[in-house]
């Protein structure tokens, strides 16, 4: 199962949308504190709809706690505008950890340095500064699912 990690997310509706996307794609969601919102916040639940309750995100109390819990052999794919390789060149595996930074600061520098050989970017026109975090997660997560054969996502509704 792919795992999506949001490091210090700030905006509840982005996290809610990411949660809904993870549920739809069969991915696990990890949130790394500090969070810019409460998990009980109405805007988070509203964006995540009824998916949020099924998702049961794993919350890590800090970046250190997340790194301690991360398996030593974890297949980490980190995403940042500073990555040199496009996300479609990432070596996705069924057990990959897809790591994203916060909306305003992106992936923290220590993580970019730690995973510099596993740092990827989503290509975009030079005039675009960034994508919304929930959009970036969806682009990467569904590319991972495509590379892995689509998984058993089932039929879509029209």
N, C-alpha and C. Protein backbone atom coordinates (compact mmCIF):
# COMPACT_ATOMS: atom_id res chain seq x y z
N UNK A 1 0.84 -1.18 0.00
CA UNK A 1 0.00 0.00 0.00
C UNK A 1 0.89 1.25 0.00
N UNK A 2 0.60 2.17 -0.92
CA UNK A 2 1.31 3.44 -0.91
C UNK A 2 0.93 4.22 0.34
N UNK A 3 1.88 4.99 0.84
CA UNK A 3 1.66 5.81 2.02
C UNK A 3 1.94 7.26 1.66
N UNK A 4 1.02 8.14 1.99
CA UNK A 4 1.16 9.57 1.76
C UNK A 4 1.48 10.21 3.10
N UNK A 5 2.53 11.04 3.12
CA UNK A 5 2.96 11.71 4.34
C UNK A 5 2.90 13.22 4.11
N UNK A 6 2.17 13.92 4.98
CA UNK A 6 2.13 15.38 4.95
C UNK A 6 2.90 15.88 6.16
N UNK A 7 3.99 16.58 5.91
CA UNK A 7 4.82 17.11 6.98
C UNK A 7 4.34 18.53 7.31
N UNK A 8 3.83 18.70 8.51
CA UNK A 8 3.35 19.98 9.03
C UNK A 8 2.33 20.66 8.11
N UNK A 9 1.27 19.94 7.72
CA UNK A 9 0.25 20.58 6.89
C UNK A 9 -0.43 21.70 7.66
N UNK A 10 -0.82 22.74 6.93
CA UNK A 10 -1.35 23.95 7.57
C UNK A 10 -2.83 24.19 7.35
N UNK A 11 -3.37 23.70 6.26
CA UNK A 11 -4.72 24.08 5.84
C UNK A 11 -5.65 22.88 5.93
N UNK A 12 -6.70 22.97 6.76
CA UNK A 12 -7.55 21.80 7.00
C UNK A 12 -8.21 21.23 5.75
N UNK A 13 -8.70 22.08 4.86
CA UNK A 13 -9.39 21.53 3.69
C UNK A 13 -8.42 20.84 2.74
N UNK A 14 -7.15 21.25 2.72
CA UNK A 14 -6.17 20.50 1.93
C UNK A 14 -5.98 19.11 2.50
N UNK A 15 -5.80 19.02 3.82
CA UNK A 15 -5.64 17.71 4.46
C UNK A 15 -6.89 16.86 4.26
N UNK A 16 -8.07 17.47 4.34
CA UNK A 16 -9.31 16.74 4.10
C UNK A 16 -9.38 16.19 2.70
N UNK A 17 -9.01 17.01 1.71
CA UNK A 17 -8.99 16.55 0.32
C UNK A 17 -7.97 15.45 0.11
N UNK A 18 -6.81 15.58 0.73
CA UNK A 18 -5.78 14.53 0.62
C UNK A 18 -6.31 13.24 1.24
N UNK A 19 -6.98 13.34 2.37
CA UNK A 19 -7.56 12.16 2.99
C UNK A 19 -8.56 11.48 2.08
N UNK A 20 -9.41 12.26 1.44
CA UNK A 20 -10.40 11.70 0.53
C UNK A 20 -9.71 11.02 -0.65
N UNK A 21 -8.67 11.64 -1.17
CA UNK A 21 -7.91 11.06 -2.29
C UNK A 21 -7.23 9.77 -1.86
N UNK A 22 -6.64 9.76 -0.67
CA UNK A 22 -6.00 8.54 -0.17
C UNK A 22 -7.01 7.41 -0.06
N UNK A 23 -8.18 7.71 0.48
CA UNK A 23 -9.20 6.68 0.61
C UNK A 23 -9.60 6.16 -0.77
N UNK A 24 -9.80 7.05 -1.72
CA UNK A 24 -10.22 6.65 -3.07
C UNK A 24 -9.17 5.80 -3.77
N UNK A 25 -7.90 6.07 -3.48
CA UNK A 25 -6.80 5.34 -4.13
C UNK A 25 -6.30 4.16 -3.31
N UNK A 26 -6.83 3.98 -2.11
CA UNK A 26 -6.38 2.87 -1.27
C UNK A 26 -5.02 3.10 -0.65
N UNK A 27 -4.71 4.37 -0.35
CA UNK A 27 -3.42 4.71 0.25
C UNK A 27 -3.61 5.02 1.74
N UNK A 28 -2.53 4.90 2.47
CA UNK A 28 -2.51 5.22 3.90
C UNK A 28 -2.05 6.66 4.06
N UNK A 29 -2.65 7.39 5.00
CA UNK A 29 -2.27 8.79 5.23
C UNK A 29 -1.56 8.93 6.57
N UNK A 30 -0.41 9.64 6.54
CA UNK A 30 0.35 9.97 7.74
C UNK A 30 0.44 11.49 7.82
N UNK A 31 0.15 12.03 8.99
CA UNK A 31 0.26 13.46 9.25
C UNK A 31 1.35 13.67 10.29
N UNK A 32 2.27 14.58 9.99
CA UNK A 32 3.38 14.86 10.89
C UNK A 32 3.16 16.23 11.52
N UNK A 33 3.05 16.27 12.84
CA UNK A 33 2.85 17.52 13.58
C UNK A 33 4.14 18.35 13.55
N UNK A 34 3.98 19.67 13.67
CA UNK A 34 2.77 20.36 14.07
C UNK A 34 1.77 20.49 12.92
N UNK A 35 0.50 20.34 13.26
CA UNK A 35 -0.59 20.53 12.31
C UNK A 35 -1.14 21.93 12.48
N UNK A 36 -1.53 22.55 11.40
CA UNK A 36 -2.10 23.89 11.45
C UNK A 36 -3.58 23.88 11.75
N UNK A 37 -4.09 22.78 12.28
CA UNK A 37 -5.51 22.62 12.51
C UNK A 37 -5.70 21.46 13.49
N UNK A 38 -6.91 21.33 13.97
CA UNK A 38 -7.29 20.20 14.84
C UNK A 38 -7.92 19.12 13.97
N UNK A 39 -7.70 17.86 14.33
CA UNK A 39 -8.34 16.77 13.59
C UNK A 39 -9.85 16.77 13.77
N UNK A 40 -10.34 17.50 14.76
CA UNK A 40 -11.77 17.60 14.99
C UNK A 40 -12.39 18.78 14.23
N UNK A 41 -11.56 19.54 13.53
CA UNK A 41 -12.04 20.76 12.86
C UNK A 41 -13.08 20.44 11.79
N UNK A 42 -14.13 21.24 11.80
CA UNK A 42 -15.25 21.05 10.87
C UNK A 42 -14.81 21.15 9.41
N UNK A 43 -13.91 22.10 9.10
CA UNK A 43 -13.47 22.27 7.71
C UNK A 43 -12.70 21.06 7.20
N UNK A 44 -11.96 20.41 8.08
CA UNK A 44 -11.23 19.19 7.72
C UNK A 44 -12.23 18.09 7.39
N UNK A 45 -13.19 17.89 8.25
CA UNK A 45 -14.19 16.85 8.06
C UNK A 45 -15.05 17.14 6.83
N UNK A 46 -15.36 18.41 6.61
CA UNK A 46 -16.19 18.77 5.46
C UNK A 46 -15.48 18.46 4.15
N UNK A 47 -14.19 18.79 4.06
CA UNK A 47 -13.44 18.50 2.84
C UNK A 47 -13.23 17.01 2.65
N UNK A 48 -13.08 16.29 3.74
CA UNK A 48 -12.86 14.85 3.66
C UNK A 48 -14.14 14.04 3.55
N UNK A 49 -15.28 14.71 3.71
CA UNK A 49 -16.59 14.07 3.68
C UNK A 49 -16.61 12.86 4.61
N UNK A 50 -17.34 11.83 4.25
CA UNK A 50 -17.43 10.65 5.11
C UNK A 50 -16.21 9.74 4.96
N UNK A 51 -15.31 10.08 4.05
CA UNK A 51 -14.10 9.28 3.86
C UNK A 51 -13.17 9.38 5.06
N UNK A 52 -13.19 10.50 5.73
CA UNK A 52 -12.22 10.77 6.79
C UNK A 52 -12.30 9.73 7.91
N UNK A 53 -13.51 9.33 8.28
CA UNK A 53 -13.67 8.35 9.35
C UNK A 53 -13.10 6.99 8.97
N UNK A 54 -13.24 6.59 7.70
CA UNK A 54 -12.70 5.30 7.24
C UNK A 54 -11.19 5.33 7.13
N UNK A 55 -10.65 6.49 6.89
CA UNK A 55 -9.23 6.63 6.61
C UNK A 55 -8.35 6.37 7.83
N UNK A 56 -8.74 6.86 8.98
CA UNK A 56 -7.96 6.71 10.21
C UNK A 56 -6.50 7.07 9.99
N UNK A 57 -6.20 8.35 9.75
CA UNK A 57 -4.82 8.75 9.51
C UNK A 57 -3.92 8.48 10.71
N UNK A 58 -2.67 8.18 10.41
CA UNK A 58 -1.66 7.99 11.46
C UNK A 58 -1.06 9.37 11.73
N UNK A 59 -1.09 9.80 12.98
CA UNK A 59 -0.55 11.11 13.34
C UNK A 59 0.75 10.90 14.12
N UNK A 60 1.81 11.55 13.66
CA UNK A 60 3.11 11.51 14.32
C UNK A 60 3.28 12.83 15.06
N UNK A 61 3.69 12.77 16.32
CA UNK A 61 3.77 13.95 17.16
C UNK A 61 4.80 14.98 16.72
N UNK A 62 5.78 14.56 15.93
CA UNK A 62 6.83 15.46 15.48
C UNK A 62 7.56 14.83 14.30
N UNK A 63 8.40 15.61 13.67
CA UNK A 63 9.21 15.08 12.59
C UNK A 63 10.15 13.99 13.11
N UNK A 64 10.73 14.21 14.28
CA UNK A 64 11.60 13.18 14.88
C UNK A 64 10.83 11.89 15.14
N UNK A 65 9.60 12.01 15.64
CA UNK A 65 8.78 10.82 15.91
C UNK A 65 8.49 10.08 14.60
N UNK A 66 8.19 10.82 13.55
CA UNK A 66 7.95 10.18 12.25
C UNK A 66 9.20 9.46 11.76
N UNK A 67 10.34 10.14 11.80
CA UNK A 67 11.58 9.52 11.32
C UNK A 67 11.95 8.29 12.14
N UNK A 68 11.66 8.30 13.43
CA UNK A 68 11.91 7.13 14.28
C UNK A 68 10.98 5.98 13.89
N UNK A 69 9.73 6.29 13.57
CA UNK A 69 8.75 5.25 13.20
C UNK A 69 8.95 4.73 11.78
N UNK A 70 9.61 5.51 10.94
CA UNK A 70 9.83 5.12 9.55
C UNK A 70 10.77 3.92 9.51
N UNK A 71 10.36 2.82 8.87
CA UNK A 71 11.25 1.66 8.80
C UNK A 71 12.60 2.03 8.17
N UNK A 72 13.66 1.40 8.65
CA UNK A 72 15.01 1.70 8.15
C UNK A 72 15.12 1.47 6.65
N UNK A 73 14.38 0.50 6.14
CA UNK A 73 14.45 0.19 4.71
C UNK A 73 13.30 0.80 3.92
N UNK A 74 12.66 1.82 4.48
CA UNK A 74 11.50 2.45 3.82
C UNK A 74 11.88 2.99 2.45
N UNK A 75 11.01 2.77 1.50
CA UNK A 75 11.19 3.31 0.15
C UNK A 75 10.57 4.71 0.11
N UNK A 76 11.37 5.71 0.43
CA UNK A 76 10.89 7.09 0.50
C UNK A 76 11.05 7.77 -0.86
N UNK A 77 9.98 8.40 -1.29
CA UNK A 77 9.99 9.27 -2.47
C UNK A 77 9.52 10.63 -1.97
N UNK A 78 10.40 11.61 -1.99
CA UNK A 78 10.09 12.93 -1.45
C UNK A 78 9.82 13.89 -2.61
N UNK A 79 8.91 14.83 -2.39
CA UNK A 79 8.49 15.72 -3.47
C UNK A 79 8.69 17.18 -3.09
N UNK A 80 9.38 17.89 -3.99
CA UNK A 80 9.73 19.28 -3.75
C UNK A 80 9.97 19.95 -5.10
N UNK A 81 9.72 21.24 -5.17
CA UNK A 81 10.04 21.99 -6.38
C UNK A 81 11.53 21.94 -6.69
N UNK A 82 12.34 21.61 -5.69
CA UNK A 82 13.79 21.54 -5.87
C UNK A 82 14.27 20.20 -6.42
N UNK A 83 13.36 19.24 -6.58
CA UNK A 83 13.75 17.96 -7.15
C UNK A 83 14.18 18.11 -8.59
N UNK A 84 15.13 17.31 -9.03
CA UNK A 84 15.61 17.38 -10.41
C UNK A 84 14.84 16.46 -11.34
N UNK A 85 14.36 15.36 -10.81
CA UNK A 85 13.70 14.35 -11.64
C UNK A 85 12.18 14.52 -11.55
N UNK A 86 11.48 14.49 -12.69
CA UNK A 86 10.02 14.58 -12.65
C UNK A 86 9.41 13.38 -11.92
N UNK A 87 8.24 13.59 -11.35
CA UNK A 87 7.57 12.55 -10.57
C UNK A 87 7.31 11.29 -11.38
N UNK A 88 7.16 11.41 -12.68
CA UNK A 88 6.92 10.20 -13.49
C UNK A 88 8.19 9.37 -13.65
N UNK A 89 9.33 9.88 -13.21
CA UNK A 89 10.57 9.11 -13.22
C UNK A 89 10.87 8.46 -11.88
N UNK A 90 9.98 8.63 -10.91
CA UNK A 90 10.19 8.04 -9.59
C UNK A 90 9.99 6.52 -9.65
N UNK A 91 10.81 5.77 -8.92
CA UNK A 91 10.68 4.30 -8.91
C UNK A 91 9.63 3.83 -7.89
N UNK A 92 8.38 4.07 -8.20
CA UNK A 92 7.30 3.71 -7.29
C UNK A 92 7.31 2.21 -7.00
N UNK A 93 7.06 1.88 -5.74
CA UNK A 93 6.86 0.50 -5.31
C UNK A 93 5.56 0.44 -4.51
N UNK A 94 5.03 -0.74 -4.34
CA UNK A 94 3.78 -0.91 -3.58
C UNK A 94 3.88 -0.33 -2.17
N UNK A 95 5.09 -0.34 -1.61
CA UNK A 95 5.28 0.11 -0.22
C UNK A 95 5.96 1.48 -0.12
N UNK A 96 5.93 2.27 -1.19
CA UNK A 96 6.58 3.59 -1.18
C UNK A 96 5.90 4.55 -0.22
N UNK A 97 6.72 5.39 0.39
CA UNK A 97 6.26 6.49 1.25
C UNK A 97 6.40 7.77 0.43
N UNK A 98 5.30 8.42 0.10
CA UNK A 98 5.28 9.63 -0.71
C UNK A 98 5.22 10.82 0.24
N UNK A 99 6.31 11.57 0.36
CA UNK A 99 6.45 12.59 1.40
C UNK A 99 6.35 13.99 0.80
N UNK A 100 5.46 14.80 1.39
CA UNK A 100 5.21 16.17 0.94
C UNK A 100 5.37 17.13 2.11
N UNK A 101 5.79 18.35 1.81
CA UNK A 101 5.93 19.39 2.82
C UNK A 101 4.65 20.20 2.99
N UNK A 102 4.75 21.24 3.77
CA UNK A 102 3.59 22.09 4.06
C UNK A 102 3.28 23.02 2.90
N UNK A 103 2.10 23.63 2.97
CA UNK A 103 1.64 24.51 1.91
C UNK A 103 2.53 25.74 1.73
N UNK A 104 2.99 26.35 2.80
CA UNK A 104 3.74 27.61 2.67
C UNK A 104 5.26 27.42 2.65
N UNK A 105 5.75 26.35 3.21
CA UNK A 105 7.21 26.17 3.31
C UNK A 105 7.74 25.00 2.49
N UNK A 106 6.88 24.13 2.05
CA UNK A 106 7.32 22.96 1.30
C UNK A 106 8.02 21.95 2.20
N UNK A 107 8.78 21.08 1.60
CA UNK A 107 9.49 20.05 2.34
C UNK A 107 10.66 20.68 3.10
N UNK A 108 10.78 20.43 4.39
CA UNK A 108 11.87 21.04 5.17
C UNK A 108 13.25 20.70 4.59
N UNK A 109 14.15 21.65 4.68
CA UNK A 109 15.51 21.49 4.13
C UNK A 109 16.21 20.24 4.65
N UNK A 110 16.12 19.92 5.94
CA UNK A 110 16.80 18.71 6.40
C UNK A 110 16.31 17.44 5.69
N UNK A 111 15.03 17.40 5.33
CA UNK A 111 14.52 16.24 4.60
C UNK A 111 14.97 16.27 3.14
N UNK A 112 14.99 17.46 2.54
CA UNK A 112 15.51 17.56 1.16
C UNK A 112 16.95 17.09 1.11
N UNK A 113 17.75 17.46 2.10
CA UNK A 113 19.16 17.03 2.14
C UNK A 113 19.26 15.53 2.41
N UNK A 114 18.47 15.05 3.34
CA UNK A 114 18.50 13.63 3.71
C UNK A 114 18.14 12.73 2.53
N UNK A 115 17.15 13.16 1.74
CA UNK A 115 16.65 12.33 0.65
C UNK A 115 16.97 12.94 -0.72
N UNK A 116 18.10 13.63 -0.84
CA UNK A 116 18.40 14.35 -2.10
C UNK A 116 18.43 13.43 -3.32
N UNK A 117 18.77 12.17 -3.13
CA UNK A 117 18.79 11.21 -4.24
C UNK A 117 17.40 10.64 -4.52
N UNK A 118 16.43 10.98 -3.69
CA UNK A 118 15.07 10.47 -3.84
C UNK A 118 14.07 11.64 -3.85
N UNK A 119 14.54 12.77 -4.39
CA UNK A 119 13.75 13.99 -4.42
C UNK A 119 13.21 14.21 -5.83
N UNK A 120 11.90 14.35 -5.94
CA UNK A 120 11.24 14.48 -7.24
C UNK A 120 10.39 15.73 -7.27
N UNK A 121 10.06 16.17 -8.48
CA UNK A 121 9.25 17.38 -8.66
C UNK A 121 8.11 17.08 -9.63
N UNK A 122 7.09 17.88 -9.56
CA UNK A 122 6.01 17.83 -10.53
C UNK A 122 6.28 18.94 -11.54
N UNK A 123 6.53 18.59 -12.79
CA UNK A 123 6.83 19.63 -13.79
C UNK A 123 5.64 20.57 -14.00
N UNK A 124 5.97 21.82 -14.21
CA UNK A 124 4.94 22.81 -14.52
C UNK A 124 5.58 23.98 -15.26
N UNK A 125 4.78 24.77 -15.89
CA UNK A 125 5.26 25.95 -16.61
C UNK A 125 6.02 26.86 -15.66
N UNK A 126 7.02 27.56 -16.19
CA UNK A 126 7.85 28.44 -15.37
C UNK A 126 7.03 29.52 -14.67
N UNK A 127 5.94 29.95 -15.26
CA UNK A 127 5.13 31.02 -14.66
C UNK A 127 4.35 30.55 -13.43
N UNK A 128 4.22 29.23 -13.26
CA UNK A 128 3.49 28.70 -12.11
C UNK A 128 4.45 28.57 -10.93
N UNK A 129 4.05 29.12 -9.80
CA UNK A 129 4.90 29.07 -8.62
C UNK A 129 4.78 27.72 -7.91
N UNK A 130 3.54 27.20 -7.85
CA UNK A 130 3.34 25.94 -7.15
C UNK A 130 1.94 25.41 -7.47
N UNK A 131 1.71 24.17 -7.06
CA UNK A 131 0.39 23.57 -7.12
C UNK A 131 -0.17 23.53 -5.70
N UNK A 132 -1.47 23.47 -5.58
CA UNK A 132 -2.09 23.25 -4.30
C UNK A 132 -1.62 21.90 -3.77
N UNK A 133 -1.40 21.79 -2.48
CA UNK A 133 -0.88 20.55 -1.88
C UNK A 133 -1.77 19.35 -2.22
N UNK A 134 -3.08 19.50 -2.11
CA UNK A 134 -3.95 18.35 -2.38
C UNK A 134 -3.90 17.96 -3.86
N UNK A 135 -3.71 18.92 -4.74
CA UNK A 135 -3.55 18.61 -6.16
C UNK A 135 -2.25 17.87 -6.40
N UNK A 136 -1.17 18.34 -5.77
CA UNK A 136 0.14 17.69 -5.93
C UNK A 136 0.08 16.24 -5.46
N UNK A 137 -0.55 16.01 -4.32
CA UNK A 137 -0.66 14.65 -3.81
C UNK A 137 -1.44 13.78 -4.79
N UNK A 138 -2.54 14.29 -5.32
CA UNK A 138 -3.35 13.51 -6.27
C UNK A 138 -2.55 13.17 -7.52
N UNK A 139 -1.81 14.14 -8.06
CA UNK A 139 -1.00 13.89 -9.26
C UNK A 139 0.00 12.76 -9.00
N UNK A 140 0.71 12.85 -7.90
CA UNK A 140 1.75 11.87 -7.57
C UNK A 140 1.14 10.52 -7.21
N UNK A 141 0.11 10.52 -6.40
CA UNK A 141 -0.49 9.27 -5.95
C UNK A 141 -1.07 8.47 -7.12
N UNK A 142 -1.75 9.14 -8.01
CA UNK A 142 -2.33 8.42 -9.15
C UNK A 142 -1.29 8.04 -10.19
N UNK A 143 -0.20 8.78 -10.28
CA UNK A 143 0.91 8.32 -11.14
C UNK A 143 1.51 7.06 -10.55
N UNK A 144 1.67 7.02 -9.23
CA UNK A 144 2.16 5.81 -8.58
C UNK A 144 1.24 4.63 -8.83
N UNK A 145 -0.06 4.85 -8.71
CA UNK A 145 -1.03 3.78 -8.96
C UNK A 145 -0.94 3.31 -10.41
N UNK A 146 -0.78 4.25 -11.35
CA UNK A 146 -0.66 3.88 -12.76
C UNK A 146 0.56 3.02 -13.00
N UNK A 147 1.70 3.45 -12.47
CA UNK A 147 2.95 2.72 -12.64
C UNK A 147 2.83 1.31 -12.06
N UNK A 148 2.12 1.20 -10.96
CA UNK A 148 1.98 -0.09 -10.29
C UNK A 148 0.86 -0.95 -10.88
N UNK A 149 0.33 -0.53 -12.01
CA UNK A 149 -0.68 -1.33 -12.69
C UNK A 149 -2.10 -0.95 -12.38
N UNK A 150 -2.32 0.15 -11.71
CA UNK A 150 -3.66 0.63 -11.44
C UNK A 150 -4.30 0.04 -10.21
N UNK A 151 -3.75 -1.04 -9.73
CA UNK A 151 -4.33 -1.66 -8.54
C UNK A 151 -5.76 -2.06 -8.77
N UNK A 152 -6.44 -2.40 -7.73
CA UNK A 152 -7.84 -2.77 -7.81
C UNK A 152 -8.67 -1.59 -7.34
N UNK A 153 -8.65 -0.53 -8.14
CA UNK A 153 -9.38 0.66 -7.75
C UNK A 153 -10.86 0.53 -8.06
N UNK A 154 -11.23 -0.46 -8.87
CA UNK A 154 -12.63 -0.69 -9.18
C UNK A 154 -13.18 0.29 -10.19
N UNK A 155 -14.45 0.14 -10.53
CA UNK A 155 -15.06 1.02 -11.53
C UNK A 155 -15.25 2.42 -10.98
N UNK A 156 -15.24 3.38 -11.86
CA UNK A 156 -15.50 4.76 -11.46
C UNK A 156 -16.96 5.10 -11.77
N UNK A 157 -17.47 6.09 -11.06
CA UNK A 157 -18.83 6.54 -11.35
C UNK A 157 -18.78 7.63 -12.38
N UNK A 158 -19.75 7.63 -13.26
CA UNK A 158 -19.83 8.67 -14.29
C UNK A 158 -20.50 9.89 -13.75
